[in-house]
Amino acid sequence: MSEPRSRAPGSRQGDLTRGPIMGTLLRFCAPTLMANVLQSLNGTVNAIWVGRMLGGSALAATANANVVMFLVFAATFGFGMAATVKIGQAFGAGNVDAARRTFGTAMGFCVGLSLVVAVAGWIGAPALLHAMSTPPVVFAFALAYLRVIFIAMPAQMISVILSMSMRGAGDARTPLRMMIISVVLDVALNPLLIGGWGPIPAFGIAGSALATTIASTVAMLAYLVVLYANDLPVRLRRSEWHYLIPHPAELRFIVTKGLPMGAQMLLVSMAGIIMVGLVNREGATASAAYGASLQVWTYLQMPALAISAAVSAMAAQTIGARLFDRLDAITRAGVLLNLAMTGVMTALLLTFDRPVLELFLGANSPAVGLARHIQFLASWSYALFGITIVLFGTMRAAGTVLPPLLVLGIAMYPGRLGFYHLVHPVLGMDAIWLSFPVGSAIALVLAYASYRLIPWRKRAEATRVPPTREPAVA
């Protein structure tokens, strides 16, 4: 039997532990999904502006710079997700003060880290690009772009921590609104700052990075205004500002749990880079077809990512509220919702694959036929992968982070790459496309075994956040 819990005053808003599980999950994950789509569209549109206005070398420069930024934000994502879990547990227990202590530590730590990285990145940008063997024709573009992007890092990190903390407190709509502000500004400012307009000088490639910096800063400031104007749950009162000085126990949790979660992103990213190298060996047509497929898959995997994040937030609050009998039901709802959403998107893609792929390749490209072949062999694997990360979402909410990292490592490397090397002499390039469902199937089997066999529930039941009432206004 679940133990009764007390709730903080006014905490029903953002409470993910009540009501029908499927309805709550759907309402919570929808804004996160929309925010993810907007973020990807933002990158796509900005790439179009850069490519059309400055040419291929400038576009390649942004790609080189974005590799560096991805490594930084992978760590931020891990720390933010760890904070989400702990905030969710505290909020589920009705302990608003504990949630704010975790938020303060996460914010203080990540802001300090971002300032260090911004300064070091500005100074070390040339060395980073040389280490990546950036081509000389691209180097100047990449250096100008990367240095300005490093300036944007503190604002972007603050926004990331705010967004993930708000989701832990059960609010997914405010992060969506802030994402809309950031994307609209970024897309609108890119052509103005790249090419100049009226009194605005042409900044070239640095203008694209400056647009991102301005958009990130405005969105961050809007976030802070909304946070306090609407008295949102994680805002810190003056008497709580000392929470921004990282508390050792809170920081230990955020770092020890956050690093493995960030490493999961790095594992998947590195496997993706390896796959690009294998595809490039097959020739230009294969590279073009695979590039178009990746563009489509970016959107195909979004439902599962949003659902997994929602499941993690719901499960964290449920653990804090000590309603353990709801955990499996939350996981089942996440799995079913993933199968429905990813399944429908996959079916639509395979039905209308030619016009979709022609958007990226052109109607007369010889790569269209191969890209369609790739879609039929590999796209359905994202439904399997979605189930895997939903299972991970529940386990992550209990603080179990190393088994998911090991599962992904096995599935991506000895699984996917081992299958490729084993069957490539027989199947040729089809070994690449089939390695996706093989790797996803391995990940699913191992994830399900971990979910059933690893005692993550005991860890969840051992987690106790004392339920307290919200402190009086200072």
Protein backbone atom coordinates (compact mmCIF):
# COMPACT_ATOMS: atom_id res chain seq x y z
CA MET A 1 0.00 0.00 0.00
CA SER A 2 1.19 3.51 -0.79
CA GLU A 3 1.81 5.78 2.16
CA PRO A 4 -0.27 8.94 2.47
CA ARG A 5 1.48 12.20 1.78
CA SER A 6 0.80 15.84 2.49
CA ARG A 7 0.83 18.48 -0.18
CA ALA A 8 2.17 21.99 -0.11
CA PRO A 9 -0.40 24.74 -0.39
CA GLY A 10 -1.23 25.50 -4.00
CA SER A 11 0.80 22.55 -5.23
CA ARG A 12 -2.05 20.98 -7.14
CA GLN A 13 -0.96 23.15 -10.07
CA GLY A 14 1.81 21.13 -11.69
CA ASP A 15 0.87 18.02 -9.69
CA LEU A 16 1.50 15.02 -11.96
CA THR A 17 0.47 12.43 -9.35
CA ARG A 18 -3.30 12.83 -9.68
CA GLY A 19 -5.91 12.03 -12.29
CA PRO A 20 -5.87 9.64 -15.26
CA ILE A 21 -2.29 8.72 -16.09
CA MET A 22 -2.63 8.70 -19.90
CA GLY A 23 -4.41 12.04 -20.01
CA THR A 24 -1.87 13.65 -17.69
CA LEU A 25 1.03 12.23 -19.68
CA LEU A 26 -0.38 13.40 -23.00
CA ARG A 27 -1.08 16.93 -21.73
CA PHE A 28 2.38 17.17 -20.19
CA CYS A 29 4.42 15.79 -23.08
CA ALA A 30 2.63 17.76 -25.84
CA PRO A 31 4.27 21.14 -24.98
CA THR A 32 7.68 19.45 -24.67
CA LEU A 33 7.22 17.84 -28.08
CA MET A 34 6.25 21.18 -29.61
CA ALA A 35 9.30 22.84 -28.03
CA ASN A 36 11.59 20.15 -29.47
CA VAL A 37 10.07 20.58 -32.93
CA LEU A 38 10.49 24.35 -32.75
CA GLN A 39 14.12 23.98 -31.70
CA SER A 40 14.87 21.71 -34.65
CA LEU A 41 13.01 23.97 -37.08
CA ASN A 42 15.04 26.88 -35.72
CA GLY A 43 18.29 25.11 -36.58
CA THR A 44 17.01 24.13 -40.02
CA VAL A 45 15.84 27.64 -40.94
CA ASN A 46 19.03 29.25 -39.67
CA ALA A 47 21.09 26.79 -41.71
CA ILE A 48 19.08 27.80 -44.79
CA TRP A 49 19.77 31.49 -44.11
CA VAL A 50 23.51 30.89 -43.70
CA GLY A 51 23.77 28.61 -46.74
CA ARG A 52 21.75 30.88 -49.03
CA MET A 53 23.35 34.16 -47.95
CA LEU A 54 26.97 33.14 -47.29
CA GLY A 55 27.55 29.87 -49.15
CA GLY A 56 28.66 26.34 -48.44
CA SER A 57 31.84 27.22 -46.53
CA ALA A 58 29.88 29.26 -44.00
CA LEU A 59 27.35 26.46 -43.61
CA ALA A 60 30.18 23.98 -43.02
CA ALA A 61 31.58 26.38 -40.41
CA THR A 62 28.36 26.29 -38.40
CA ALA A 63 28.43 22.48 -38.56
CA ASN A 64 31.99 22.43 -37.16
CA ALA A 65 31.07 24.85 -34.39
CA ASN A 66 27.91 22.97 -33.51
CA VAL A 67 29.90 19.79 -32.86
CA VAL A 68 31.75 21.65 -30.10
CA MET A 69 28.55 23.12 -28.67
CA PHE A 70 26.83 19.75 -28.63
CA LEU A 71 29.52 18.35 -26.34
CA VAL A 72 28.96 21.20 -23.89
CA PHE A 73 25.18 20.95 -23.95
CA ALA A 74 25.27 17.18 -23.50
CA ALA A 75 26.76 17.80 -20.06
CA THR A 76 24.23 20.54 -19.36
CA PHE A 77 21.39 18.22 -20.35
CA GLY A 78 22.63 15.59 -17.92
CA PHE A 79 22.89 18.04 -15.03
CA GLY A 80 19.48 19.50 -15.89
CA MET A 81 17.86 16.08 -16.03
CA ALA A 82 19.37 15.15 -12.67
CA ALA A 83 17.90 18.36 -11.24
CA THR A 84 14.56 17.53 -12.86
CA VAL A 85 14.46 14.17 -11.08
CA LYS A 86 15.31 15.59 -7.65
CA ILE A 87 12.95 18.56 -8.04
CA GLY A 88 10.20 16.19 -9.15
CA GLN A 89 10.72 13.96 -6.12
CA ALA A 90 10.63 16.97 -3.77
CA PHE A 91 7.60 18.48 -5.46
CA GLY A 92 5.78 15.12 -5.31
CA ALA A 93 6.45 15.01 -1.58
CA GLY A 94 5.07 18.52 -1.18
CA ASN A 95 8.47 19.86 -0.07
CA VAL A 96 8.76 23.08 -2.08
CA ASP A 97 11.79 24.22 -0.08
CA ALA A 98 13.74 21.07 -1.02
CA ALA A 99 12.82 21.62 -4.68
CA ARG A 100 14.17 25.16 -4.52
CA ARG A 101 17.39 24.03 -2.83
CA THR A 102 18.00 21.61 -5.70
CA PHE A 103 17.08 24.25 -8.27
CA GLY A 104 19.43 26.76 -6.64
CA THR A 105 22.34 24.34 -6.63
CA ALA A 106 21.74 23.34 -10.26
CA MET A 107 21.44 26.97 -11.35
CA GLY A 108 24.45 28.21 -9.39
CA PHE A 109 26.64 25.33 -10.56
CA CYS A 110 25.66 25.56 -14.23
CA VAL A 111 25.92 29.36 -14.37
CA GLY A 112 29.40 29.21 -12.88
CA LEU A 113 30.35 26.42 -15.27
CA SER A 114 28.95 28.30 -18.25
CA LEU A 115 30.96 31.42 -17.43
CA VAL A 116 34.16 29.40 -17.21
CA VAL A 117 33.38 27.59 -20.47
CA ALA A 118 32.45 30.84 -22.23
CA VAL A 119 35.77 32.50 -21.36
CA ALA A 120 37.82 29.37 -22.04
CA GLY A 121 35.93 28.80 -25.28
CA TRP A 122 36.56 32.33 -26.55
CA ILE A 123 40.28 31.98 -25.82
CA GLY A 124 40.62 28.35 -26.93
CA ALA A 125 38.37 28.42 -30.01
CA PRO A 126 41.29 28.44 -32.50
CA ALA A 127 42.90 25.43 -30.80
CA LEU A 128 39.57 23.57 -30.75
CA LEU A 129 39.03 24.10 -34.47
CA HIS A 130 42.61 23.06 -35.28
CA ALA A 131 42.12 19.91 -33.18
CA MET A 132 39.05 19.12 -35.32
CA SER A 133 41.11 19.55 -38.51
CA THR A 134 38.75 22.28 -39.71
CA PRO A 135 39.57 22.99 -43.39
CA PRO A 136 41.37 26.32 -43.99
CA VAL A 137 38.57 27.62 -46.22
CA VAL A 138 36.12 27.09 -43.36
CA PHE A 139 38.35 28.10 -40.44
CA ALA A 140 37.78 31.87 -40.41
CA PHE A 141 34.01 31.44 -40.67
CA ALA A 142 33.97 28.83 -37.91
CA LEU A 143 36.14 30.91 -35.58
CA ALA A 144 33.95 34.02 -35.89
CA TYR A 145 30.78 31.98 -35.39
CA LEU A 146 32.06 29.87 -32.50
CA ARG A 147 33.41 32.77 -30.48
CA VAL A 148 30.11 34.63 -30.53
CA ILE A 149 28.17 31.44 -29.73
CA PHE A 150 30.34 30.99 -26.64
CA ILE A 151 29.14 34.42 -25.47
CA ALA A 152 25.56 33.10 -25.65
CA MET A 153 26.35 30.09 -23.49
CA PRO A 154 25.46 31.50 -20.03
CA ALA A 155 22.01 32.65 -21.21
CA GLN A 156 21.39 29.34 -22.98
CA MET A 157 22.45 27.28 -19.97
CA ILE A 158 20.26 29.32 -17.62
CA SER A 159 17.31 28.75 -19.96
CA VAL A 160 18.01 25.01 -20.12
CA ILE A 161 18.13 24.66 -16.33
CA LEU A 162 15.00 26.79 -15.94
CA SER A 163 13.12 24.71 -18.52
CA MET A 164 14.08 21.35 -17.08
CA SER A 165 13.46 22.48 -13.50
CA MET A 166 10.01 23.77 -14.44
CA ARG A 167 9.19 20.41 -16.03
CA GLY A 168 10.25 18.69 -12.82
CA ALA A 169 7.73 20.92 -11.04
CA GLY A 170 5.05 19.84 -13.51
CA ASP A 171 5.05 22.90 -15.80
CA ALA A 172 5.77 22.18 -19.47
CA ARG A 173 3.88 25.16 -20.92
CA THR A 174 6.16 27.92 -19.67
CA PRO A 175 9.26 26.36 -21.33
CA LEU A 176 7.27 26.15 -24.58
CA ARG A 177 6.37 29.84 -24.42
CA MET A 178 9.99 30.79 -23.84
CA MET A 179 11.08 28.56 -26.73
CA ILE A 180 8.62 30.34 -29.01
CA ILE A 181 10.13 33.72 -28.05
CA SER A 182 13.67 32.45 -28.67
CA VAL A 183 12.90 30.81 -32.01
CA VAL A 184 10.90 33.72 -33.45
CA LEU A 185 13.65 36.19 -32.55
CA ASP A 186 16.45 33.95 -33.81
CA VAL A 187 14.81 33.24 -37.16
CA ALA A 188 13.84 36.88 -37.69
CA LEU A 189 17.22 38.35 -36.70
CA ASN A 190 19.39 35.93 -38.69
CA PRO A 191 18.94 37.48 -42.16
CA LEU A 192 19.04 41.04 -40.74
CA LEU A 193 22.33 40.54 -38.91
CA ILE A 194 23.96 38.36 -41.57
CA GLY A 195 23.29 40.66 -44.51
CA GLY A 196 22.56 43.98 -42.79
CA TRP A 197 19.51 46.17 -43.19
CA GLY A 198 19.27 49.96 -43.00
CA PRO A 199 21.41 51.14 -40.07
CA ILE A 200 22.16 47.53 -39.08
CA PRO A 201 25.60 46.54 -40.44
CA ALA A 202 26.26 43.19 -42.12
CA PHE A 203 28.02 40.94 -39.61
CA GLY A 204 28.30 37.93 -41.93
CA ILE A 205 28.58 34.56 -40.23
CA ALA A 206 29.04 36.28 -36.85
CA GLY A 207 25.59 37.81 -37.40
CA SER A 208 23.98 34.38 -37.27
CA ALA A 209 25.66 33.66 -33.94
CA LEU A 210 24.78 37.16 -32.70
CA ALA A 211 21.12 36.53 -33.56
CA THR A 212 21.22 33.37 -31.43
CA THR A 213 22.91 35.28 -28.60
CA ILE A 214 20.31 38.07 -28.61
CA ALA A 215 17.41 35.60 -28.83
CA SER A 216 18.81 33.49 -25.99
CA THR A 217 19.37 36.52 -23.77
CA VAL A 218 15.90 37.98 -24.38
CA ALA A 219 14.26 34.58 -23.77
CA MET A 220 16.25 34.14 -20.55
CA LEU A 221 15.21 37.58 -19.27
CA ALA A 222 11.59 36.88 -20.23
CA TYR A 223 11.86 33.59 -18.35
CA LEU A 224 12.99 35.34 -15.19
CA VAL A 225 10.23 37.96 -15.48
CA VAL A 226 7.57 35.25 -15.93
CA LEU A 227 9.09 33.17 -13.13
CA TYR A 228 8.59 35.94 -10.58
CA ALA A 229 5.53 37.68 -12.04
CA ASN A 230 3.57 34.41 -11.98
CA ASP A 231 5.14 33.20 -8.71
CA LEU A 232 6.16 29.91 -10.34
CA PRO A 233 7.18 27.06 -8.01
CA VAL A 234 10.96 27.10 -8.35
CA ARG A 235 11.52 30.85 -8.10
CA LEU A 236 13.84 31.82 -5.26
CA ARG A 237 12.80 34.49 -2.78
CA ARG A 238 15.37 36.90 -1.41
CA SER A 239 15.78 34.80 1.73
CA GLU A 240 16.52 31.79 -0.53
CA TRP A 241 19.11 33.36 -2.81
CA HIS A 242 21.85 31.65 -0.83
CA TYR A 243 20.59 28.40 -2.39
CA LEU A 244 22.50 29.51 -5.51
CA ILE A 245 25.69 28.59 -3.66
CA PRO A 246 25.89 24.86 -4.49
CA HIS A 247 25.19 22.64 -1.50
CA PRO A 248 27.67 19.70 -1.37
CA ALA A 249 25.02 16.96 -1.08
CA GLU A 250 22.82 18.47 -3.80
CA LEU A 251 25.82 19.03 -6.06
CA ARG A 252 27.01 15.46 -5.53
CA PHE A 253 23.64 14.13 -6.72
CA ILE A 254 23.52 16.44 -9.75
CA VAL A 255 27.05 15.60 -10.88
CA THR A 256 27.07 11.86 -10.17
CA LYS A 257 23.65 11.35 -11.79
CA GLY A 258 24.05 14.00 -14.47
CA LEU A 259 27.33 12.86 -15.96
CA PRO A 260 26.05 9.36 -16.94
CA MET A 261 22.91 10.93 -18.44
CA GLY A 262 24.99 13.35 -20.48
CA ALA A 263 27.26 10.47 -21.48
CA GLN A 264 24.24 8.69 -22.98
CA MET A 265 23.86 11.56 -25.45
CA LEU A 266 27.56 11.42 -26.26
CA LEU A 267 27.43 7.66 -26.89
CA VAL A 268 24.56 8.05 -29.34
CA SER A 269 26.24 11.02 -31.02
CA MET A 270 29.58 9.24 -31.44
CA ALA A 271 27.84 6.19 -32.87
CA GLY A 272 26.10 8.52 -35.32
CA ILE A 273 29.42 10.01 -36.40
CA ILE A 274 30.80 6.51 -37.00
CA MET A 275 27.75 5.63 -39.10
CA VAL A 276 28.28 8.73 -41.25
CA GLY A 277 31.84 7.58 -41.90
CA LEU A 278 30.63 4.12 -42.93
CA VAL A 279 28.02 5.63 -45.25
CA ASN A 280 30.59 7.93 -46.85
CA ARG A 281 32.54 4.85 -47.93
CA GLU A 282 29.57 3.86 -50.09
CA GLY A 283 29.78 6.96 -52.28
CA ALA A 284 28.18 10.35 -52.79
CA THR A 285 24.71 9.01 -53.61
CA ALA A 286 24.58 7.01 -50.39
CA SER A 287 25.80 10.03 -48.42
CA ALA A 288 23.11 12.26 -49.89
CA ALA A 289 20.38 9.66 -49.28
CA TYR A 290 21.51 9.11 -45.71
CA GLY A 291 21.73 12.85 -45.07
CA ALA A 292 18.10 13.27 -46.14
CA SER A 293 17.09 10.31 -43.98
CA LEU A 294 18.76 11.87 -40.95
CA GLN A 295 16.79 15.07 -41.48
CA VAL A 296 13.55 13.05 -41.41
CA TRP A 297 14.63 10.92 -38.44
CA THR A 298 15.33 14.06 -36.40
CA TYR A 299 11.58 14.64 -36.28
CA LEU A 300 10.66 10.97 -36.09
CA GLN A 301 12.43 10.48 -32.77
CA MET A 302 10.96 13.60 -31.13
CA PRO A 303 7.76 12.01 -29.75
CA ALA A 304 9.76 9.38 -27.86
CA LEU A 305 12.15 11.99 -26.43
CA ALA A 306 9.27 14.16 -25.23
CA ILE A 307 7.37 11.18 -23.80
CA SER A 308 10.46 9.88 -22.00
CA ALA A 309 11.05 13.30 -20.40
CA ALA A 310 7.39 13.44 -19.35
CA VAL A 311 7.49 9.91 -17.93
CA SER A 312 10.61 10.80 -15.95
CA ALA A 313 9.00 13.91 -14.45
CA MET A 314 5.77 12.05 -13.63
CA ALA A 315 7.63 9.11 -12.12
CA ALA A 316 9.87 11.43 -10.04
CA GLN A 317 6.84 13.18 -8.54
CA THR A 318 5.18 9.81 -7.97
CA ILE A 319 8.26 8.53 -6.12
CA GLY A 320 8.33 11.68 -4.00
CA ALA A 321 4.64 11.18 -3.22
CA ARG A 322 5.34 7.50 -2.40
CA LEU A 323 2.66 6.24 -4.78
CA PHE A 324 4.77 3.35 -6.04
CA ASP A 325 1.83 1.39 -7.41
CA ARG A 326 1.50 4.01 -10.18
CA LEU A 327 5.04 3.59 -11.56
CA ASP A 328 4.38 0.61 -13.83
CA ALA A 329 1.15 2.24 -15.02
CA ILE A 330 3.07 5.40 -15.95
CA THR A 331 5.61 3.32 -17.86
CA ARG A 332 2.88 1.40 -19.72
CA ALA A 333 1.15 4.64 -20.66
CA GLY A 334 4.44 6.02 -21.98
CA VAL A 335 5.11 2.90 -24.04
CA LEU A 336 1.61 2.90 -25.53
CA LEU A 337 1.73 6.62 -26.30
CA ASN A 338 5.14 6.21 -27.94
CA LEU A 339 3.92 3.33 -30.10
CA ALA A 340 0.88 5.33 -31.15
CA MET A 341 2.65 8.61 -31.94
CA THR A 342 5.85 7.22 -33.44
CA GLY A 343 3.87 4.52 -35.26
CA VAL A 344 1.54 7.06 -36.87
CA MET A 345 4.44 9.30 -37.88
CA THR A 346 6.34 6.35 -39.34
CA ALA A 347 3.28 5.20 -41.29
CA LEU A 348 2.75 8.70 -42.68
CA LEU A 349 6.41 8.97 -43.61
CA LEU A 350 6.45 5.67 -45.46
CA THR A 351 3.20 6.56 -47.24
CA PHE A 352 4.41 9.98 -48.39
CA ASP A 353 8.13 9.29 -48.41
CA ARG A 354 8.88 10.48 -51.94
CA PRO A 355 7.59 14.08 -51.61
CA VAL A 356 9.15 14.38 -48.15
CA LEU A 357 12.57 13.22 -49.31
CA GLU A 358 12.40 15.35 -52.46
CA LEU A 359 12.20 18.43 -50.21
CA PHE A 360 15.81 17.71 -49.20
CA LEU A 361 17.18 16.05 -52.33
CA GLY A 362 15.23 17.53 -55.23
CA ALA A 363 12.82 15.70 -57.51
CA ASN A 364 15.48 14.58 -59.96
CA SER A 365 18.13 13.43 -57.52
CA PRO A 366 19.35 9.84 -58.02
CA ALA A 367 19.52 9.57 -54.22
CA VAL A 368 15.72 9.68 -53.78
CA GLY A 369 15.25 5.99 -54.60
CA LEU A 370 17.97 4.92 -52.18
CA ALA A 371 16.62 7.24 -49.47
CA ARG A 372 13.18 5.61 -49.83
CA HIS A 373 14.83 2.20 -49.49
CA ILE A 374 16.60 3.36 -46.33
CA GLN A 375 13.32 4.58 -44.85
CA PHE A 376 11.57 1.23 -45.37
CA LEU A 377 14.44 -0.71 -43.81
CA ALA A 378 15.24 1.51 -40.84
CA SER A 379 12.52 4.04 -39.92
CA TRP A 380 10.36 1.60 -37.93
CA SER A 381 13.26 1.01 -35.54
CA TYR A 382 12.51 4.33 -33.85
CA ALA A 383 9.36 2.84 -32.35
CA LEU A 384 11.54 0.21 -30.65
CA PHE A 385 14.06 2.79 -29.54
CA GLY A 386 11.21 4.87 -28.12
CA ILE A 387 10.13 2.03 -25.86
CA THR A 388 13.70 1.75 -24.61
CA ILE A 389 14.01 5.39 -23.60
CA VAL A 390 10.57 5.36 -21.96
CA LEU A 391 11.78 2.50 -19.75
CA PHE A 392 14.91 4.53 -19.05
CA GLY A 393 12.75 7.53 -18.13
CA THR A 394 11.12 5.66 -15.25
CA MET A 395 14.40 4.17 -14.05
CA ARG A 396 16.09 7.58 -14.24
CA ALA A 397 13.40 9.02 -11.96
CA ALA A 398 14.56 6.56 -9.28
CA GLY A 399 18.18 7.66 -9.68
CA THR A 400 19.24 4.59 -11.70
CA VAL A 401 21.46 5.99 -14.46
CA LEU A 402 24.38 3.60 -15.06
CA PRO A 403 22.40 0.61 -16.48
CA PRO A 404 20.87 2.75 -19.27
CA LEU A 405 24.36 3.98 -20.17
CA LEU A 406 25.66 0.41 -20.36
CA VAL A 407 22.66 -0.75 -22.40
CA LEU A 408 23.15 2.00 -24.97
CA GLY A 409 26.89 1.31 -25.13
CA ILE A 410 26.29 -2.39 -25.84
CA ALA A 411 23.50 -1.76 -28.35
CA MET A 412 25.35 0.93 -30.29
CA TYR A 413 28.82 -0.58 -30.48
CA PRO A 414 29.11 -4.39 -30.29
CA GLY A 415 25.41 -4.52 -31.30
CA ARG A 416 24.90 -2.16 -34.21
CA LEU A 417 28.50 -1.87 -35.41
CA GLY A 418 29.22 -5.56 -34.80
CA PHE A 419 26.22 -6.51 -36.96
CA TYR A 420 27.46 -4.21 -39.72
CA HIS A 421 30.95 -5.71 -39.82
CA LEU A 422 29.54 -9.23 -39.66
CA VAL A 423 27.05 -9.00 -42.54
CA HIS A 424 28.49 -6.22 -44.74
CA PRO A 425 30.43 -8.69 -46.92
CA VAL A 426 27.10 -10.40 -47.70
CA LEU A 427 24.54 -7.57 -47.73
CA GLY A 428 26.67 -4.63 -48.80
CA MET A 429 25.37 -1.21 -47.82
CA ASP A 430 22.06 -2.72 -46.63
CA ALA A 431 24.06 -3.84 -43.59
CA ILE A 432 24.20 -0.18 -42.55
CA TRP A 433 20.46 0.41 -42.77
CA LEU A 434 19.55 -2.91 -41.11
CA SER A 435 21.96 -2.22 -38.26
CA PHE A 436 19.51 0.40 -36.96
CA PRO A 437 16.64 -2.01 -36.18
CA VAL A 438 19.14 -4.61 -34.95
CA GLY A 439 20.71 -2.13 -32.53
CA SER A 440 17.28 -0.91 -31.41
CA ALA A 441 16.08 -4.46 -30.81
CA ILE A 442 19.15 -5.25 -28.71
CA ALA A 443 18.65 -2.06 -26.71
CA LEU A 444 14.99 -2.89 -26.12
CA VAL A 445 15.70 -6.43 -24.88
CA LEU A 446 18.44 -5.23 -22.53
CA ALA A 447 16.37 -2.26 -21.33
CA TYR A 448 13.37 -4.47 -20.55
CA ALA A 449 15.63 -6.93 -18.70
CA SER A 450 17.10 -4.02 -16.72
CA TYR A 451 13.65 -2.66 -15.94
CA ARG A 452 12.49 -6.04 -14.63
CA LEU A 453 15.64 -7.36 -12.96
CA ILE A 454 17.57 -4.39 -11.57
CA PRO A 455 16.26 -3.35 -8.11
CA TRP A 456 15.61 0.26 -9.09
CA ARG A 457 12.24 0.09 -7.28
CA LYS A 458 14.03 -0.52 -3.97
CA ARG A 459 16.09 2.59 -4.65
CA ALA A 460 12.84 4.47 -5.32
CA GLU A 461 11.24 3.20 -2.11
CA ALA A 462 14.35 4.17 -0.15
CA THR A 463 14.05 7.75 -1.43
CA ARG A 464 12.39 9.86 1.23
CA VAL A 465 11.75 13.58 0.96
CA PRO A 466 10.15 14.90 4.16
CA PRO A 467 6.83 16.57 3.28
CA THR A 468 6.91 20.15 4.52
CA ARG A 469 4.79 23.18 4.03
CA GLU A 470 6.01 26.04 1.88
CA PRO A 471 7.87 28.61 3.96
CA ALA A 472 6.16 31.88 4.71
CA VAL A 473 6.85 34.85 2.44
CA ALA A 474 9.99 36.62 3.52
